[in-house]
């Protein structure tokens, strides 16, 4: 009996993962419902099914087999499954102390696809996300990070003309003598590790999958 149960669980987890990788929202919903009716732990289904699928999609993105449209459709499938499973999470798993990330696109830039991908990947990795949106003033990053007791401030831009806003966030943190209280991650098309080093950021992520690895490194491996 246990063997059958284990086999069923493994099958459902693999189907959830495949639904995300294959960008199949309908299959994600069907399989998530199957997980619920089969009494498979919702947290396991999210972590080992949906999140594993998004991680695989991230690898395909890195390998340039998937591009932004595919990654967004993968995330749609993931969220379709999440909507079914979230109500079945045990209380301690939804109310636990997750590390918080304040994320946004710096003032002067309204390109947010990259930021949204990072947000999705960090959510699946277990971080609590405070999404400030786009065209966000440097001071707002600082004030919200303080108000939320965030661990990480993540800033993106796709425009060279707005990059100094990232440096301004760090200048404000230093001015308030609270720089050591936050890890600052930056990313986006024109940004580089050299630029991150120059402005005193804690790290630079080349893409959404790399952002998760960086966040884990900066927070000691815990989400």
Protein backbone atom coordinates (compact mmCIF):
# COMPACT_ATOMS: atom_id res chain seq x y z
CA UNK A 1 0.00 0.00 0.00
CA UNK A 2 2.78 2.40 0.97
CA UNK A 3 4.62 1.57 -2.23
CA UNK A 4 1.52 2.45 -4.27
CA UNK A 5 1.10 5.70 -2.33
CA UNK A 6 4.74 6.65 -2.86
CA UNK A 7 4.45 5.84 -6.56
CA UNK A 8 1.30 7.97 -6.87
CA UNK A 9 2.96 10.89 -5.10
CA UNK A 10 6.07 10.69 -7.30
CA UNK A 11 3.88 10.53 -10.42
CA UNK A 12 1.84 13.58 -9.37
CA UNK A 13 4.98 15.60 -8.50
CA UNK A 14 6.52 14.77 -11.89
CA UNK A 15 3.25 15.70 -13.64
CA UNK A 16 3.16 19.06 -11.84
CA UNK A 17 6.75 19.74 -12.84
CA UNK A 18 6.03 18.75 -16.45
CA UNK A 19 2.92 20.96 -16.58
CA UNK A 20 5.03 23.99 -15.69
CA UNK A 21 7.89 23.14 -18.06
CA UNK A 22 5.38 22.45 -20.86
CA UNK A 23 3.52 25.74 -20.20
CA UNK A 24 0.28 23.79 -19.70
CA UNK A 25 -2.03 25.73 -17.35
CA UNK A 26 -4.91 23.29 -17.74
CA UNK A 27 -2.72 20.31 -16.85
CA UNK A 28 -1.30 22.21 -13.85
CA UNK A 29 -4.85 22.74 -12.50
CA UNK A 30 -5.90 19.12 -13.13
CA UNK A 31 -2.76 17.74 -11.47
CA UNK A 32 -2.91 20.16 -8.54
CA UNK A 33 -6.48 19.00 -7.88
CA UNK A 34 -5.26 15.41 -8.13
CA UNK A 35 -2.62 16.20 -5.48
CA UNK A 36 -5.35 17.54 -3.17
CA UNK A 37 -7.69 14.56 -3.63
CA UNK A 38 -4.75 12.16 -3.18
CA UNK A 39 -3.88 13.84 0.15
CA UNK A 40 -0.41 14.77 -1.04
CA UNK A 41 1.10 17.45 1.19
CA UNK A 42 0.46 20.83 -0.49
CA UNK A 43 3.88 22.17 0.49
CA UNK A 44 5.62 19.17 -1.10
CA UNK A 45 3.48 19.54 -4.21
CA UNK A 46 4.50 23.19 -4.53
CA UNK A 47 8.16 22.68 -3.64
CA UNK A 48 8.91 19.42 -5.47
CA UNK A 49 6.37 19.85 -8.29
CA UNK A 50 5.61 23.43 -9.32
CA UNK A 51 8.80 25.06 -8.02
CA UNK A 52 10.94 22.27 -9.46
CA UNK A 53 9.25 22.89 -12.81
CA UNK A 54 9.98 26.62 -12.62
CA UNK A 55 13.59 25.86 -11.71
CA UNK A 56 13.86 23.62 -14.78
CA UNK A 57 12.31 26.37 -16.91
CA UNK A 58 14.93 28.75 -15.52
CA UNK A 59 17.69 26.36 -16.64
CA UNK A 60 16.17 26.18 -20.14
CA UNK A 61 16.10 29.99 -20.14
CA UNK A 62 19.77 30.10 -19.15
CA UNK A 63 20.58 27.64 -21.94
CA UNK A 64 18.68 29.90 -24.38
CA UNK A 65 16.25 27.09 -25.21
CA UNK A 66 13.44 29.13 -23.63
CA UNK A 67 13.05 32.88 -23.88
CA UNK A 68 10.99 35.42 -21.94
CA UNK A 69 7.59 34.53 -23.54
CA UNK A 70 8.08 30.83 -22.70
CA UNK A 71 9.20 31.63 -19.17
CA UNK A 72 6.12 33.79 -18.62
CA UNK A 73 3.85 30.99 -19.85
CA UNK A 74 5.64 28.58 -17.51
CA UNK A 75 4.94 31.00 -14.66
CA UNK A 76 1.26 31.18 -15.65
CA UNK A 77 1.06 27.39 -15.36
CA UNK A 78 2.86 27.50 -12.02
CA UNK A 79 0.47 30.12 -10.63
CA UNK A 80 -2.55 28.14 -11.90
CA UNK A 81 -1.35 25.18 -9.82
CA UNK A 82 -0.45 27.41 -6.86
CA UNK A 83 -3.97 28.83 -6.73
CA UNK A 84 -5.31 25.30 -6.18
CA UNK A 85 -2.69 24.24 -3.63
CA UNK A 86 -2.26 27.40 -1.50
CA UNK A 87 -5.54 27.00 0.46
CA UNK A 88 -4.36 23.52 1.52
CA UNK A 89 -1.06 24.63 3.03
CA UNK A 90 -0.77 23.91 6.73
CA UNK A 91 -0.98 27.01 8.89
CA UNK A 92 2.65 27.04 10.03
CA UNK A 93 3.79 26.83 6.45
CA UNK A 94 1.90 29.97 5.42
CA UNK A 95 2.55 31.96 8.59
CA UNK A 96 6.21 31.10 9.10
CA UNK A 97 8.91 33.74 9.16
CA UNK A 98 10.10 33.99 5.59
CA UNK A 99 12.94 36.27 4.63
CA UNK A 100 11.59 39.36 2.89
CA UNK A 101 12.77 40.85 -0.38
CA UNK A 102 11.80 44.37 -1.43
CA UNK A 103 11.96 44.42 -5.24
CA UNK A 104 11.30 47.02 -7.92
CA UNK A 105 12.41 48.81 -11.08
CA UNK A 106 14.31 52.02 -10.37
CA UNK A 107 12.82 55.47 -11.00
CA UNK A 108 12.71 56.50 -14.67
CA UNK A 109 12.28 52.96 -16.02
CA UNK A 110 8.98 51.19 -16.68
CA UNK A 111 10.35 47.90 -18.09
CA UNK A 112 9.28 45.25 -15.59
CA UNK A 113 9.30 41.85 -17.32
CA UNK A 114 12.75 41.02 -15.91
CA UNK A 115 11.74 42.15 -12.43
CA UNK A 116 8.59 40.04 -12.62
CA UNK A 117 10.60 36.95 -13.57
CA UNK A 118 12.94 37.47 -10.61
CA UNK A 119 9.93 37.93 -8.34
CA UNK A 120 8.40 34.64 -9.53
CA UNK A 121 11.65 32.72 -9.08
CA UNK A 122 12.26 34.16 -5.60
CA UNK A 123 8.69 33.36 -4.56
CA UNK A 124 9.09 29.76 -5.64
CA UNK A 125 12.35 29.63 -3.68
CA UNK A 126 10.43 30.56 -0.53
CA UNK A 127 11.06 34.28 -0.09
CA UNK A 128 8.31 36.74 0.80
CA UNK A 129 8.21 39.42 -1.88
CA UNK A 130 7.26 43.06 -1.43
CA UNK A 131 6.85 44.24 -5.03
CA UNK A 132 7.18 48.01 -5.37
CA UNK A 133 6.46 47.87 -9.11
CA UNK A 134 8.24 50.08 -11.63
CA UNK A 135 9.50 53.67 -11.74
CA UNK A 136 10.31 53.49 -8.01
CA UNK A 137 12.19 56.41 -6.34
CA UNK A 138 15.39 55.40 -4.47
CA UNK A 139 13.94 56.65 -1.18
CA UNK A 140 10.97 54.30 -1.50
CA UNK A 141 13.26 51.26 -1.67
CA UNK A 142 14.91 52.39 1.56
CA UNK A 143 11.75 53.34 3.47
CA UNK A 144 9.87 50.15 2.53
CA UNK A 145 12.86 47.93 3.30
CA UNK A 146 12.98 49.52 6.76
CA UNK A 147 9.23 49.29 7.30
CA UNK A 148 9.10 45.63 6.22
CA UNK A 149 12.33 44.59 8.00
CA UNK A 150 13.45 43.14 4.68
CA UNK A 151 16.65 41.13 4.30
CA UNK A 152 17.24 42.00 0.64
CA UNK A 153 16.66 45.02 -1.59
CA UNK A 154 16.53 43.94 -5.26
CA UNK A 155 16.69 46.67 -7.92
CA UNK A 156 16.51 46.36 -11.69
CA UNK A 157 16.73 48.57 -14.74
CA UNK A 158 16.97 48.12 -18.50
CA UNK A 159 18.16 51.68 -19.12
CA UNK A 160 21.64 53.13 -18.73
CA UNK A 161 20.14 56.54 -17.94
CA UNK A 162 18.57 55.27 -14.70
CA UNK A 163 21.50 53.25 -13.34
CA UNK A 164 22.60 56.03 -11.01
CA UNK A 165 19.32 55.54 -9.14
CA UNK A 166 20.69 52.18 -7.97
CA UNK A 167 23.76 53.93 -6.58
CA UNK A 168 21.46 56.46 -4.91
CA UNK A 169 19.69 53.67 -2.97
CA UNK A 170 23.06 52.63 -1.52
CA UNK A 171 24.02 56.26 -0.83
CA UNK A 172 20.77 56.71 1.14
CA UNK A 173 21.38 53.52 3.12
CA UNK A 174 24.88 54.77 4.01
CA UNK A 175 23.58 58.25 4.86
CA UNK A 176 21.08 56.73 7.32
CA UNK A 177 23.78 54.41 8.74
CA UNK A 178 21.67 51.34 7.96
CA UNK A 179 23.67 49.91 5.04
CA UNK A 180 24.69 46.82 7.02
CA UNK A 181 21.04 45.97 7.65
CA UNK A 182 20.28 45.02 4.04
CA UNK A 183 21.78 43.02 1.19
CA UNK A 184 21.43 44.93 -2.10
CA UNK A 185 21.06 42.95 -5.33
CA UNK A 186 20.99 44.58 -8.75
CA UNK A 187 20.29 43.36 -12.29
CA UNK A 188 19.14 44.28 -15.78
CA UNK A 189 20.48 44.58 -19.31
CA UNK A 190 23.06 47.37 -18.91
CA UNK A 191 24.15 46.33 -15.40
CA UNK A 192 27.32 44.33 -14.71
CA UNK A 193 29.33 42.91 -11.84
CA UNK A 194 31.83 45.74 -12.33
CA UNK A 195 29.04 48.29 -11.88
CA UNK A 196 27.77 46.44 -8.78
CA UNK A 197 31.28 46.56 -7.31
CA UNK A 198 31.64 50.24 -8.16
CA UNK A 199 28.45 51.33 -6.38
CA UNK A 200 28.94 48.99 -3.44
CA UNK A 201 26.08 46.55 -4.12
CA UNK A 202 26.29 43.11 -2.52
CA UNK A 203 25.74 41.27 -5.78
CA UNK A 204 24.69 41.24 -9.41
CA UNK A 205 22.43 38.65 -11.05
CA UNK A 206 22.58 38.06 -14.79
CA UNK A 207 19.06 36.52 -14.92
CA UNK A 208 16.18 35.32 -12.75
CA UNK A 209 17.65 31.88 -12.01
CA UNK A 210 20.95 33.50 -11.02
CA UNK A 211 19.04 35.91 -8.75
CA UNK A 212 17.79 32.98 -6.67
CA UNK A 213 21.31 31.59 -6.29
CA UNK A 214 22.58 35.05 -5.33
CA UNK A 215 19.79 35.61 -2.80
CA UNK A 216 20.52 32.25 -1.18
CA UNK A 217 24.22 33.04 -1.04
CA UNK A 218 23.58 36.46 0.51
CA UNK A 219 21.19 35.04 3.13
CA UNK A 220 23.26 32.03 4.07
CA UNK A 221 21.31 29.55 1.98
CA UNK A 222 17.98 30.06 3.74
CA UNK A 223 14.76 31.43 2.30
